[in-house]
Amino acid sequence: MNNEELSSQEEQPKRNIWNLVLGIVFIGYGSFRLYQKMQTSDPDSFGLILAIGFIAFGIYDLWKYYKGV
């Protein structure tokens, strides 16, 4: 193995597959709940905030996966 192969392996960030899976699940669930809240006339602000929080956390998990944190 030469130095080029070693440096290319060291530069690749370690990606946790759970960040990808949980990010997709949280975005999917948060979007589903947000859609349900928008279809009803009940002004449930806590449910709306919770759905937006799930989406934000899902985006954060996907960012961690692609950043390699």
Protein backbone atom coordinates (compact mmCIF):
# COMPACT_ATOMS: atom_id res chain seq x y z
CA MET A 1 0.00 0.00 0.00
CA ASN A 2 1.37 3.35 -0.93
CA ASN A 3 0.77 6.75 0.63
CA GLU A 4 -2.02 7.69 -1.80
CA GLU A 5 -4.15 4.73 -0.73
CA LEU A 6 -3.62 5.48 2.95
CA SER A 7 -4.48 9.16 2.60
CA SER A 8 -7.66 8.43 0.65
CA GLN A 9 -8.82 6.01 3.37
CA GLU A 10 -8.08 8.51 6.13
CA GLU A 11 -9.97 11.34 4.39
CA GLN A 12 -13.22 9.41 4.15
CA PRO A 13 -15.42 10.23 7.14
CA LYS A 14 -16.91 7.36 9.10
CA ARG A 15 -20.63 7.33 8.43
CA ASN A 16 -23.07 5.90 10.91
CA ILE A 17 -25.90 4.18 9.04
CA TRP A 18 -28.26 4.85 11.96
CA ASN A 19 -28.03 8.59 11.30
CA LEU A 20 -29.28 7.96 7.77
CA VAL A 21 -32.08 5.61 8.83
CA LEU A 22 -33.28 7.77 11.72
CA GLY A 23 -33.07 10.93 9.61
CA ILE A 24 -35.32 9.44 6.96
CA VAL A 25 -37.73 8.06 9.58
CA PHE A 26 -37.97 11.36 11.48
CA ILE A 27 -38.52 13.38 8.32
CA GLY A 28 -41.16 10.94 7.12
CA TYR A 29 -43.00 10.83 10.43
CA GLY A 30 -42.76 14.58 10.99
CA SER A 31 -44.05 15.27 7.48
CA PHE A 32 -46.93 12.85 7.99
CA ARG A 33 -47.90 14.48 11.29
CA LEU A 34 -47.54 17.97 9.82
CA TYR A 35 -49.82 16.98 6.94
CA GLN A 36 -52.39 15.62 9.40
CA LYS A 37 -52.28 18.81 11.47
CA MET A 38 -52.76 20.97 8.38
CA GLN A 39 -55.84 18.99 7.31
CA THR A 40 -57.71 19.50 10.59
CA SER A 41 -59.23 22.75 11.79
CA ASP A 42 -58.15 22.07 15.39
CA PRO A 43 -55.45 24.62 16.33
CA ASP A 44 -53.14 22.25 18.21
CA SER A 45 -49.97 24.29 18.42
CA PHE A 46 -48.05 21.73 20.51
CA GLY A 47 -48.61 19.02 17.90
CA LEU A 48 -47.51 21.41 15.17
CA ILE A 49 -44.33 22.31 17.03
CA LEU A 50 -43.64 18.65 17.72
CA ALA A 51 -44.04 17.74 14.03
CA ILE A 52 -41.68 20.54 12.99
CA GLY A 53 -39.22 19.36 15.66
CA PHE A 54 -39.25 15.84 14.20
CA ILE A 55 -38.52 17.23 10.74
CA ALA A 56 -35.71 19.43 12.07
CA PHE A 57 -34.15 16.54 13.97
CA GLY A 58 -34.37 14.37 10.86
CA ILE A 59 -32.58 17.02 8.82
CA TYR A 60 -29.92 17.24 11.53
CA ASP A 61 -29.43 13.45 11.46
CA LEU A 62 -29.04 13.49 7.68
CA TRP A 63 -26.56 16.36 7.97
CA LYS A 64 -24.55 14.34 10.52
CA TYR A 65 -24.57 11.33 8.19
CA TYR A 66 -23.31 13.23 5.15
CA LYS A 67 -20.85 15.30 7.17
CA GLY A 68 -19.45 12.19 8.86
CA VAL A 69 -19.75 13.53 12.40
